[in-house]
Every structure is written in C-alpha cells, then in structure tokens.
Amino acid sequence: KGLFQIIFDDVTKEVRLHFPVMVKREPASGEGKCGLDKGYTEAFTDSQNVTYGDGIGKVMQRSVSKRHTRGKGRNKLYQIAIKKNKRHIFKCNLTKKRHQTSENRKKQTLNTMVRTGVNQFFNQYQHAITEDLSFVIKNKKISRQVNRNLAEWCKGTLQKALVEISYRRSSSVTVVNAAYTSQVDS
C-alpha cells in the first residue's frame, strides 16, 4: 500500500525503486525515565552507571589506526607513481574496493552494537533523556590523533538509533543541550 517511485538514473545507468516501509509499533516494555550519556568507548551509559554497547571504541580505534597506516602507505605509493610516471600503480594499487568492503563491514558492526544497546536500554526504561551532540566545535586546537578519533565517532548513528527504536517501541527521547550534561575535562 502507498506511493512508490521508479527512478531511472542516466548517469549511473541504474533503475531504483523507492517505496515507504510501514513500521509496526510495539507497546513499551520499560518503565520510568533515565538519563543516557553517549560515549566513545561504549555506546551509552545511563544514570545508574550501566553501560550499553560495550566495545564500539575498540572497533572505531582499530579502524582509525588501520586507515591512518594505510593512508600513509598510499601516499608514499602515490608519490612514487607520480615521480616515475607509472600509470599502472594508479590502476592496480590505488583503488579503494577492499577499503570500501572493510568500511561497510565496520559500519554494520557498529550499527549492530549500537542498536543492541538501545534495545537493552528500552527493555528497562520508557523515556530517555540524552544530550544533543549535533554541534560543531570551532576555534579549538586539538591534536591530529584526537581529531581523527573524534571524526570516526558515530554520534549520528547513536542518535538515529535512539530516535528510530524509541518510536518503534512506543517510548520517547528528550534531547537537552550538552552544556547542561556531565562533562569531564582531563
């Protein structure tokens, strides 16, 4: 039931079908409200200090270090290819097929870990109060390594999972300004 679209893309020579998906809502299984903090080493920590989605920090850190090492090696190979005018290096060694496969696998792993954590939270509670991390920090000097790690952080995935799963489970999420939540300055 509903509206669907058939899209013919001349640029990529693809035909796509877009259609709405009906989401079945379940009755809420948890009770009460609880604060939920988004983290880097674990997906969430609630007000009672229970963690959900442990291990996402290790997955992201492994991905960051692997991408950093691979990027340095690719840059060296790129410079050799330019200096010696070797076109076959671009074709055979500087493509991103394998990289895209591992990147997709990492995203699926993170998505599974985050959504499992959100479901575990909503098994206990009906209402989540969480911080809004959709802002951009300007004029702050941080090291390159910290910048790489923060760029890898999947805070958008965390928020999207909270909103989607709370809707499906007839629960609610309240977003508050991050300035009014707990922060630690090391």
N, C-alpha and C. Protein backbone atom coordinates (compact mmCIF):
# COMPACT_ATOMS: atom_id res chain seq x y z
N LYS A 1 0.84 -1.17 0.00
CA LYS A 1 0.00 0.00 0.00
C LYS A 1 0.88 1.24 0.00
N GLY A 2 0.42 2.28 -0.61
CA GLY A 2 1.13 3.55 -0.57
C GLY A 2 1.73 3.92 -1.91
N LEU A 3 2.46 5.01 -1.89
CA LEU A 3 3.06 5.58 -3.08
C LEU A 3 4.44 4.97 -3.30
N PHE A 4 4.78 4.69 -4.54
CA PHE A 4 6.14 4.25 -4.85
C PHE A 4 6.62 4.99 -6.09
N GLN A 5 7.94 5.07 -6.24
CA GLN A 5 8.54 5.77 -7.37
C GLN A 5 9.54 4.86 -8.04
N ILE A 6 9.57 4.91 -9.36
CA ILE A 6 10.61 4.24 -10.14
C ILE A 6 11.52 5.34 -10.68
N ILE A 7 12.80 5.27 -10.36
CA ILE A 7 13.75 6.31 -10.75
C ILE A 7 14.74 5.72 -11.73
N PHE A 8 14.83 6.33 -12.90
CA PHE A 8 15.80 5.94 -13.92
C PHE A 8 16.95 6.93 -13.85
N ASP A 9 18.13 6.47 -13.46
CA ASP A 9 19.30 7.34 -13.33
C ASP A 9 20.17 7.18 -14.57
N ASP A 10 20.24 8.26 -15.38
CA ASP A 10 21.01 8.21 -16.62
C ASP A 10 22.51 8.23 -16.38
N VAL A 11 22.93 8.86 -15.30
CA VAL A 11 24.36 8.99 -15.03
C VAL A 11 24.97 7.65 -14.65
N THR A 12 24.36 6.94 -13.70
CA THR A 12 24.91 5.66 -13.24
C THR A 12 24.29 4.46 -13.95
N LYS A 13 23.33 4.71 -14.83
CA LYS A 13 22.65 3.64 -15.58
C LYS A 13 21.96 2.65 -14.63
N GLU A 14 21.30 3.19 -13.61
CA GLU A 14 20.60 2.35 -12.64
C GLU A 14 19.11 2.64 -12.67
N VAL A 15 18.35 1.63 -12.25
CA VAL A 15 16.92 1.80 -12.04
C VAL A 15 16.67 1.49 -10.57
N ARG A 16 16.07 2.46 -9.85
CA ARG A 16 15.82 2.30 -8.42
C ARG A 16 14.33 2.38 -8.15
N LEU A 17 13.90 1.62 -7.15
CA LEU A 17 12.51 1.62 -6.72
C LEU A 17 12.45 2.15 -5.30
N HIS A 18 11.73 3.25 -5.09
CA HIS A 18 11.57 3.84 -3.76
C HIS A 18 10.13 3.61 -3.31
N PHE A 19 9.99 3.10 -2.07
CA PHE A 19 8.66 2.84 -1.54
C PHE A 19 8.69 3.00 -0.02
N PRO A 20 7.54 3.37 0.57
CA PRO A 20 7.51 3.53 2.03
C PRO A 20 7.46 2.18 2.73
N VAL A 21 8.05 2.14 3.90
CA VAL A 21 8.04 0.93 4.72
C VAL A 21 7.21 1.22 5.96
N MET A 22 6.23 0.40 6.21
CA MET A 22 5.38 0.58 7.38
C MET A 22 6.08 -0.01 8.60
N VAL A 23 6.18 0.78 9.67
CA VAL A 23 6.85 0.35 10.89
C VAL A 23 5.78 -0.08 11.89
N LYS A 24 5.92 -1.29 12.41
CA LYS A 24 4.99 -1.78 13.42
C LYS A 24 5.47 -1.29 14.78
N ARG A 25 4.55 -0.69 15.54
CA ARG A 25 4.89 -0.19 16.86
C ARG A 25 4.50 -1.21 17.91
N GLU A 26 5.42 -1.44 18.84
CA GLU A 26 5.18 -2.35 19.94
C GLU A 26 4.82 -1.55 21.19
N PRO A 27 4.11 -2.15 22.12
CA PRO A 27 3.88 -1.44 23.38
C PRO A 27 5.19 -1.33 24.17
N ALA A 28 5.32 -0.27 24.94
CA ALA A 28 6.54 -0.04 25.71
C ALA A 28 6.71 -1.12 26.76
N SER A 29 7.92 -1.65 26.87
CA SER A 29 8.16 -2.72 27.85
C SER A 29 8.85 -2.19 29.11
N GLY A 30 9.52 -1.04 29.03
CA GLY A 30 10.21 -0.48 30.19
C GLY A 30 9.34 0.51 30.92
N GLU A 31 9.82 0.94 32.09
CA GLU A 31 9.08 1.91 32.90
C GLU A 31 10.03 3.00 33.38
N GLY A 32 9.51 4.20 33.54
CA GLY A 32 10.28 5.29 34.11
C GLY A 32 11.17 5.99 33.09
N LYS A 33 11.92 6.97 33.60
CA LYS A 33 12.84 7.71 32.74
C LYS A 33 14.24 7.64 33.31
N CYS A 34 15.20 7.82 32.42
CA CYS A 34 16.59 7.71 32.83
C CYS A 34 17.46 8.55 31.90
N GLY A 35 18.51 9.13 32.44
CA GLY A 35 19.47 9.89 31.64
C GLY A 35 20.39 8.95 30.89
N LEU A 36 20.78 9.34 29.70
CA LEU A 36 21.60 8.47 28.85
C LEU A 36 22.72 9.31 28.26
N ASP A 37 23.95 8.92 28.51
CA ASP A 37 25.13 9.65 28.04
C ASP A 37 25.75 8.89 26.88
N LYS A 38 26.01 9.60 25.79
CA LYS A 38 26.66 8.97 24.64
C LYS A 38 28.16 8.96 24.87
N GLY A 39 28.79 7.84 24.59
CA GLY A 39 30.22 7.73 24.85
C GLY A 39 30.99 7.27 23.63
N TYR A 40 32.32 7.29 23.77
CA TYR A 40 33.19 6.85 22.69
C TYR A 40 33.61 5.40 22.89
N THR A 41 33.93 5.01 24.13
CA THR A 41 34.37 3.64 24.36
C THR A 41 33.20 2.67 24.46
N GLU A 42 32.05 3.15 24.91
CA GLU A 42 30.81 2.37 24.90
C GLU A 42 29.75 3.25 24.28
N ALA A 43 28.69 2.64 23.78
CA ALA A 43 27.67 3.43 23.09
C ALA A 43 26.96 4.36 24.05
N PHE A 44 26.47 3.83 25.16
CA PHE A 44 25.70 4.63 26.10
C PHE A 44 26.03 4.22 27.53
N THR A 45 25.86 5.17 28.44
CA THR A 45 25.91 4.89 29.88
C THR A 45 24.71 5.60 30.49
N ASP A 46 23.92 4.88 31.30
CA ASP A 46 22.74 5.52 31.87
C ASP A 46 23.06 6.12 33.24
N SER A 47 22.07 6.71 33.87
CA SER A 47 22.26 7.41 35.14
C SER A 47 22.66 6.46 36.27
N GLN A 48 22.33 5.19 36.15
CA GLN A 48 22.70 4.21 37.17
C GLN A 48 24.05 3.57 36.87
N ASN A 49 24.82 4.15 35.96
CA ASN A 49 26.17 3.71 35.59
C ASN A 49 26.18 2.34 34.91
N VAL A 50 25.12 1.98 34.21
CA VAL A 50 25.07 0.76 33.43
C VAL A 50 25.45 1.12 32.00
N THR A 51 26.35 0.34 31.40
CA THR A 51 26.80 0.64 30.04
C THR A 51 26.06 -0.24 29.03
N TYR A 52 25.84 0.31 27.85
CA TYR A 52 25.17 -0.39 26.76
C TYR A 52 26.05 -0.24 25.52
N GLY A 53 26.24 -1.32 24.78
CA GLY A 53 27.04 -1.26 23.56
C GLY A 53 28.52 -1.19 23.84
N ASP A 54 29.01 -2.01 24.77
CA ASP A 54 30.44 -2.02 25.08
C ASP A 54 31.25 -2.44 23.87
N GLY A 55 32.40 -1.85 23.71
CA GLY A 55 33.34 -2.28 22.67
C GLY A 55 33.32 -1.47 21.40
N ILE A 56 32.43 -0.48 21.27
CA ILE A 56 32.44 0.27 20.00
C ILE A 56 33.70 1.11 19.87
N GLY A 57 34.28 1.52 21.01
CA GLY A 57 35.52 2.29 20.98
C GLY A 57 36.67 1.49 20.39
N LYS A 58 36.73 0.21 20.72
CA LYS A 58 37.80 -0.65 20.17
C LYS A 58 37.64 -0.81 18.66
N VAL A 59 36.39 -0.98 18.22
CA VAL A 59 36.15 -1.14 16.77
C VAL A 59 36.54 0.14 16.04
N MET A 60 36.14 1.30 16.59
CA MET A 60 36.47 2.57 15.94
C MET A 60 37.97 2.85 15.99
N GLN A 61 38.62 2.55 17.12
CA GLN A 61 40.06 2.80 17.25
C GLN A 61 40.85 1.94 16.28
N ARG A 62 40.46 0.67 16.14
CA ARG A 62 41.13 -0.22 15.20
C ARG A 62 40.97 0.29 13.78
N SER A 63 39.79 0.80 13.45
CA SER A 63 39.53 1.34 12.12
C SER A 63 40.36 2.59 11.86
N VAL A 64 40.45 3.48 12.87
CA VAL A 64 41.21 4.72 12.71
C VAL A 64 42.68 4.43 12.50
N SER A 65 43.25 3.56 13.33
CA SER A 65 44.69 3.27 13.20
C SER A 65 44.99 2.56 11.88
N LYS A 66 44.12 1.66 11.47
CA LYS A 66 44.32 0.96 10.20
C LYS A 66 44.23 1.93 9.02
N ARG A 67 43.24 2.84 9.07
CA ARG A 67 43.09 3.81 7.99
C ARG A 67 44.28 4.77 7.94
N HIS A 68 44.80 5.15 9.11
CA HIS A 68 45.95 6.07 9.18
C HIS A 68 47.19 5.42 8.57
N THR A 69 47.46 4.17 8.95
CA THR A 69 48.60 3.44 8.40
C THR A 69 48.45 3.24 6.90
N ARG A 70 47.26 2.85 6.47
CA ARG A 70 47.00 2.62 5.05
C ARG A 70 47.15 3.93 4.26
N GLY A 71 46.68 5.03 4.83
CA GLY A 71 46.77 6.32 4.15
C GLY A 71 48.21 6.77 3.96
N LYS A 72 49.04 6.54 4.97
CA LYS A 72 50.46 6.89 4.85
C LYS A 72 51.12 6.06 3.75
N GLY A 73 50.81 4.77 3.71
CA GLY A 73 51.38 3.90 2.67
C GLY A 73 50.89 4.28 1.28
N ARG A 74 49.59 4.61 1.18
CA ARG A 74 49.04 5.02 -0.11
C ARG A 74 49.67 6.32 -0.60
N ASN A 75 49.94 7.23 0.33
CA ASN A 75 50.56 8.49 -0.05
C ASN A 75 51.96 8.28 -0.59
N LYS A 76 52.74 7.39 0.04
CA LYS A 76 54.09 7.08 -0.45
C LYS A 76 54.01 6.47 -1.85
N LEU A 77 53.09 5.53 -2.03
CA LEU A 77 52.93 4.89 -3.33
C LEU A 77 52.48 5.89 -4.39
N TYR A 78 51.63 6.82 -4.01
CA TYR A 78 51.16 7.87 -4.92
C TYR A 78 52.32 8.75 -5.37
N GLN A 79 53.18 9.12 -4.44
CA GLN A 79 54.32 9.96 -4.79
C GLN A 79 55.29 9.24 -5.72
N ILE A 80 55.49 7.94 -5.49
CA ILE A 80 56.35 7.15 -6.39
C ILE A 80 55.74 7.08 -7.78
N ALA A 81 54.44 6.88 -7.84
CA ALA A 81 53.76 6.78 -9.13
C ALA A 81 53.86 8.09 -9.91
N ILE A 82 53.79 9.20 -9.23
CA ILE A 82 53.90 10.50 -9.91
C ILE A 82 55.33 10.76 -10.37
N LYS A 83 56.32 10.51 -9.49
CA LYS A 83 57.72 10.79 -9.83
C LYS A 83 58.20 9.94 -10.99
N LYS A 84 57.85 8.67 -10.98
CA LYS A 84 58.35 7.76 -12.01
C LYS A 84 57.37 7.56 -13.16
N ASN A 85 56.24 8.28 -13.10
CA ASN A 85 55.24 8.22 -14.17
C ASN A 85 54.77 6.79 -14.45
N LYS A 86 54.37 6.10 -13.41
CA LYS A 86 53.90 4.72 -13.52
C LYS A 86 52.38 4.70 -13.42
N ARG A 87 51.70 4.64 -14.55
CA ARG A 87 50.23 4.66 -14.59
C ARG A 87 49.61 3.39 -14.02
N HIS A 88 50.29 2.26 -14.15
CA HIS A 88 49.70 1.01 -13.68
C HIS A 88 49.59 0.96 -12.16
N ILE A 89 50.39 1.77 -11.45
CA ILE A 89 50.27 1.81 -9.98
C ILE A 89 48.92 2.39 -9.59
N PHE A 90 48.48 3.42 -10.30
CA PHE A 90 47.16 4.00 -10.01
C PHE A 90 46.07 2.97 -10.23
N LYS A 91 46.18 2.22 -11.30
CA LYS A 91 45.14 1.26 -11.67
C LYS A 91 45.13 0.05 -10.74
N CYS A 92 46.31 -0.47 -10.41
CA CYS A 92 46.39 -1.73 -9.69
C CYS A 92 46.51 -1.58 -8.17
N ASN A 93 47.10 -0.50 -7.68
CA ASN A 93 47.40 -0.41 -6.27
C ASN A 93 46.68 0.71 -5.52
N LEU A 94 46.09 1.65 -6.21
CA LEU A 94 45.49 2.79 -5.52
C LEU A 94 43.97 2.85 -5.66
N THR A 95 43.33 1.71 -5.88
CA THR A 95 41.87 1.69 -5.90
C THR A 95 41.35 1.47 -4.48
N LYS A 96 40.06 1.62 -4.27
CA LYS A 96 39.51 1.54 -2.91
C LYS A 96 38.48 0.45 -2.74
N LYS A 97 38.51 -0.58 -3.56
CA LYS A 97 37.50 -1.64 -3.46
C LYS A 97 37.58 -2.37 -2.12
N ARG A 98 38.76 -2.83 -1.75
CA ARG A 98 38.92 -3.56 -0.49
C ARG A 98 38.63 -2.66 0.71
N HIS A 99 39.05 -1.42 0.59
CA HIS A 99 38.81 -0.48 1.68
C HIS A 99 37.32 -0.27 1.90
N GLN A 100 36.55 -0.13 0.83
CA GLN A 100 35.10 0.07 0.95
C GLN A 100 34.43 -1.15 1.59
N THR A 101 34.90 -2.36 1.25
CA THR A 101 34.33 -3.57 1.84
C THR A 101 34.55 -3.60 3.35
N SER A 102 35.78 -3.31 3.78
CA SER A 102 36.05 -3.33 5.22
C SER A 102 35.33 -2.19 5.94
N GLU A 103 35.20 -1.04 5.28
CA GLU A 103 34.48 0.10 5.87
C GLU A 103 33.00 -0.23 6.06
N ASN A 104 32.40 -0.87 5.07
CA ASN A 104 30.99 -1.28 5.19
C ASN A 104 30.80 -2.30 6.30
N ARG A 105 31.74 -3.24 6.42
CA ARG A 105 31.66 -4.25 7.47
C ARG A 105 31.76 -3.59 8.85
N LYS A 106 32.66 -2.61 8.99
CA LYS A 106 32.80 -1.89 10.25
C LYS A 106 31.53 -1.13 10.60
N LYS A 107 30.92 -0.47 9.62
CA LYS A 107 29.68 0.28 9.87
C LYS A 107 28.55 -0.65 10.30
N GLN A 108 28.48 -1.83 9.68
CA GLN A 108 27.44 -2.79 10.07
C GLN A 108 27.67 -3.30 11.49
N THR A 109 28.93 -3.53 11.85
CA THR A 109 29.25 -3.99 13.21
C THR A 109 28.86 -2.93 14.23
N LEU A 110 29.23 -1.67 13.96
CA LEU A 110 28.89 -0.58 14.88
C LEU A 110 27.38 -0.42 14.99
N ASN A 111 26.69 -0.50 13.86
CA ASN A 111 25.24 -0.36 13.85
C ASN A 111 24.58 -1.44 14.71
N THR A 112 25.05 -2.67 14.58
CA THR A 112 24.51 -3.78 15.37
C THR A 112 24.76 -3.57 16.85
N MET A 113 25.98 -3.15 17.21
CA MET A 113 26.31 -2.94 18.62
C MET A 113 25.48 -1.81 19.22
N VAL A 114 25.32 -0.72 18.48
CA VAL A 114 24.56 0.43 18.98
C VAL A 114 23.09 0.06 19.14
N ARG A 115 22.50 -0.57 18.14
CA ARG A 115 21.07 -0.90 18.20
C ARG A 115 20.78 -1.94 19.27
N THR A 116 21.70 -2.87 19.49
CA THR A 116 21.52 -3.83 20.58
C THR A 116 21.52 -3.11 21.93
N GLY A 117 22.43 -2.15 22.09
CA GLY A 117 22.48 -1.37 23.32
C GLY A 117 21.21 -0.55 23.54
N VAL A 118 20.70 0.07 22.48
CA VAL A 118 19.47 0.87 22.61
C VAL A 118 18.29 -0.02 22.99
N ASN A 119 18.19 -1.19 22.37
CA ASN A 119 17.11 -2.12 22.72
C ASN A 119 17.21 -2.58 24.17
N GLN A 120 18.45 -2.83 24.64
CA GLN A 120 18.62 -3.22 26.04
C GLN A 120 18.17 -2.10 26.97
N PHE A 121 18.47 -0.85 26.60
CA PHE A 121 18.05 0.29 27.43
C PHE A 121 16.52 0.39 27.48
N PHE A 122 15.87 0.28 26.33
CA PHE A 122 14.41 0.42 26.31
C PHE A 122 13.70 -0.81 26.85
N ASN A 123 14.41 -1.90 27.11
CA ASN A 123 13.80 -3.01 27.85
C ASN A 123 13.57 -2.62 29.30
N GLN A 124 14.41 -1.68 29.83
CA GLN A 124 14.30 -1.29 31.23
C GLN A 124 13.54 0.02 31.42
N TYR A 125 13.73 0.97 30.50
CA TYR A 125 13.16 2.31 30.68
C TYR A 125 12.26 2.66 29.50
N GLN A 126 11.35 3.58 29.75
CA GLN A 126 10.45 4.02 28.68
C GLN A 126 10.85 5.37 28.11
N HIS A 127 11.53 6.18 28.91
CA HIS A 127 11.87 7.54 28.47
C HIS A 127 13.37 7.76 28.64
N ALA A 128 14.03 8.24 27.60
CA ALA A 128 15.46 8.53 27.63
C ALA A 128 15.68 10.04 27.55
N ILE A 129 16.56 10.54 28.38
CA ILE A 129 16.96 11.94 28.34
C ILE A 129 18.43 11.96 27.97
N THR A 130 18.74 12.52 26.82
CA THR A 130 20.11 12.45 26.30
C THR A 130 20.59 13.81 25.83
N GLU A 131 21.89 13.91 25.58
CA GLU A 131 22.50 15.18 25.18
C GLU A 131 22.45 15.36 23.67
N ASP A 132 22.41 16.61 23.25
CA ASP A 132 22.41 16.95 21.83
C ASP A 132 23.85 17.19 21.41
N LEU A 133 24.38 16.31 20.55
CA LEU A 133 25.77 16.43 20.10
C LEU A 133 25.84 16.80 18.62
N SER A 134 24.86 17.52 18.13
CA SER A 134 24.83 17.84 16.71
C SER A 134 25.53 19.16 16.38
N PHE A 135 26.33 19.68 17.30
CA PHE A 135 27.02 20.95 17.06
C PHE A 135 28.44 20.70 16.56
N VAL A 136 29.06 21.74 16.03
CA VAL A 136 30.44 21.68 15.55
C VAL A 136 31.29 22.54 16.47
N ILE A 137 32.39 21.98 16.97
CA ILE A 137 33.27 22.74 17.84
C ILE A 137 34.21 23.57 16.97
N LYS A 138 34.19 24.89 17.15
CA LYS A 138 35.03 25.77 16.36
C LYS A 138 36.12 26.37 17.24
N ASN A 139 37.19 26.79 16.61
CA ASN A 139 38.29 27.51 17.27
C ASN A 139 38.87 26.74 18.45
N LYS A 140 39.00 25.44 18.33
CA LYS A 140 39.59 24.66 19.40
C LYS A 140 40.72 23.84 18.79
N LYS A 141 41.93 24.07 19.25
CA LYS A 141 43.08 23.34 18.75
C LYS A 141 43.17 21.99 19.45
N ILE A 142 43.15 20.94 18.67
CA ILE A 142 43.32 19.60 19.22
C ILE A 142 44.33 18.87 18.36
N SER A 143 44.91 17.83 18.91
CA SER A 143 45.95 17.10 18.17
C SER A 143 45.33 16.35 16.99
N ARG A 144 46.17 15.99 16.06
CA ARG A 144 45.68 15.28 14.87
C ARG A 144 45.07 13.94 15.23
N GLN A 145 45.70 13.24 16.18
CA GLN A 145 45.19 11.93 16.56
C GLN A 145 43.81 12.04 17.22
N VAL A 146 43.63 13.01 18.10
CA VAL A 146 42.32 13.21 18.73
C VAL A 146 41.30 13.60 17.68
N ASN A 147 41.69 14.43 16.73
CA ASN A 147 40.80 14.84 15.66
C ASN A 147 40.37 13.65 14.81
N ARG A 148 41.32 12.75 14.50
CA ARG A 148 40.97 11.53 13.74
C ARG A 148 39.99 10.68 14.51
N ASN A 149 40.22 10.51 15.81
CA ASN A 149 39.33 9.68 16.62
C ASN A 149 37.93 10.28 16.72
N LEU A 150 37.83 11.59 16.91
CA LEU A 150 36.52 12.23 17.01
C LEU A 150 35.79 12.22 15.67
N ALA A 151 36.54 12.27 14.57
CA ALA A 151 35.90 12.20 13.25
C ALA A 151 35.30 10.83 13.01
N GLU A 152 35.88 9.81 13.60
CA GLU A 152 35.38 8.45 13.44
C GLU A 152 34.16 8.18 14.31
N TRP A 153 33.98 8.96 15.37
CA TRP A 153 32.91 8.72 16.34
C TRP A 153 31.55 8.75 15.66
N CYS A 154 30.74 7.75 15.92
CA CYS A 154 29.47 7.57 15.22
C CYS A 154 28.31 8.17 16.02
N LYS A 155 28.43 9.45 16.42
CA LYS A 155 27.39 10.06 17.24
C LYS A 155 26.07 10.22 16.48
N GLY A 156 26.14 10.37 15.16
CA GLY A 156 24.91 10.43 14.37
C GLY A 156 24.19 9.10 14.37
N THR A 157 24.95 8.01 14.30
CA THR A 157 24.36 6.67 14.35
C THR A 157 23.70 6.44 15.70
N LEU A 158 24.33 6.92 16.77
CA LEU A 158 23.76 6.77 18.11
C LEU A 158 22.41 7.48 18.21
N GLN A 159 22.36 8.72 17.73
CA GLN A 159 21.11 9.49 17.82
C GLN A 159 20.02 8.90 16.93
N LYS A 160 20.40 8.49 15.73
CA LYS A 160 19.43 7.91 14.80
C LYS A 160 18.82 6.63 15.37
N ALA A 161 19.67 5.79 15.97
CA ALA A 161 19.19 4.54 16.57
C ALA A 161 18.24 4.83 17.73
N LEU A 162 18.58 5.83 18.55
CA LEU A 162 17.69 6.20 19.65
C LEU A 162 16.32 6.62 19.17
N VAL A 163 16.29 7.48 18.17
CA VAL A 163 15.01 8.00 17.67
C VAL A 163 14.19 6.89 17.02
N GLU A 164 14.81 6.08 16.15
CA GLU A 164 14.07 5.04 15.43
C GLU A 164 13.54 3.96 16.37
N ILE A 165 14.37 3.50 17.28
CA ILE A 165 13.95 2.40 18.15
C ILE A 165 12.95 2.89 19.19
N SER A 166 13.12 4.14 19.66
CA SER A 166 12.14 4.65 20.62
C SER A 166 10.76 4.78 19.97
N TYR A 167 10.71 5.18 18.72
CA TYR A 167 9.42 5.27 18.01
C TYR A 167 8.80 3.88 17.87
N ARG A 168 9.61 2.91 17.45
CA ARG A 168 9.09 1.56 17.23
C ARG A 168 8.63 0.92 18.52
N ARG A 169 9.27 1.27 19.64
CA ARG A 169 8.92 0.64 20.92
C ARG A 169 8.00 1.51 21.77
N SER A 170 7.36 2.50 21.17
CA SER A 170 6.41 3.40 21.84
C SER A 170 7.03 4.07 23.07
N SER A 171 8.28 4.44 22.94
CA SER A 171 8.98 5.14 24.01
C SER A 171 9.29 6.55 23.52
N SER A 172 9.99 7.33 24.34
CA SER A 172 10.29 8.69 23.93
C SER A 172 11.72 9.06 24.29
N VAL A 173 12.25 10.06 23.57
CA VAL A 173 13.60 10.56 23.80
C VAL A 173 13.51 12.08 23.92
N THR A 174 14.09 12.62 24.98
CA THR A 174 14.20 14.06 25.15
C THR A 174 15.66 14.44 24.98
N VAL A 175 15.91 15.44 24.13
CA VAL A 175 17.27 15.88 23.86
C VAL A 175 17.49 17.20 24.58
N VAL A 176 18.55 17.28 25.38
CA VAL A 176 18.88 18.50 26.11
C VAL A 176 20.22 19.04 25.61
N ASN A 177 20.46 20.32 25.88
CA ASN A 177 21.70 20.96 25.49
C ASN A 177 22.87 20.27 26.19
N ALA A 178 23.95 20.01 25.45
CA ALA A 178 25.10 19.30 26.00
C ALA A 178 25.80 20.10 27.09
N ALA A 179 25.59 21.42 27.14
CA ALA A 179 26.22 22.24 28.16
C ALA A 179 25.68 21.91 29.55
N TYR A 180 24.47 21.33 29.60
CA TYR A 180 23.86 21.03 30.89
C TYR A 180 24.01 19.55 31.28
N THR A 181 24.90 18.84 30.64
CA THR A 181 25.13 17.43 30.98
C THR A 181 26.51 17.29 31.59
N SER A 182 26.78 16.10 32.11
CA SER A 182 28.07 15.88 32.78
C SER A 182 29.18 15.85 31.74
N GLN A 183 30.26 16.54 32.05
CA GLN A 183 31.43 16.56 31.18
C GLN A 183 32.67 16.48 32.04
N VAL A 184 33.67 15.78 31.56
CA VAL A 184 34.93 15.68 32.28
C VAL A 184 36.02 16.25 31.40
N ASP A 185 36.81 17.16 31.95
CA ASP A 185 37.92 17.74 31.21
C ASP A 185 39.19 17.13 31.78
N SER A 186 39.83 16.26 31.01
CA SER A 186 41.04 15.60 31.50
C SER A 186 42.24 16.50 31.38
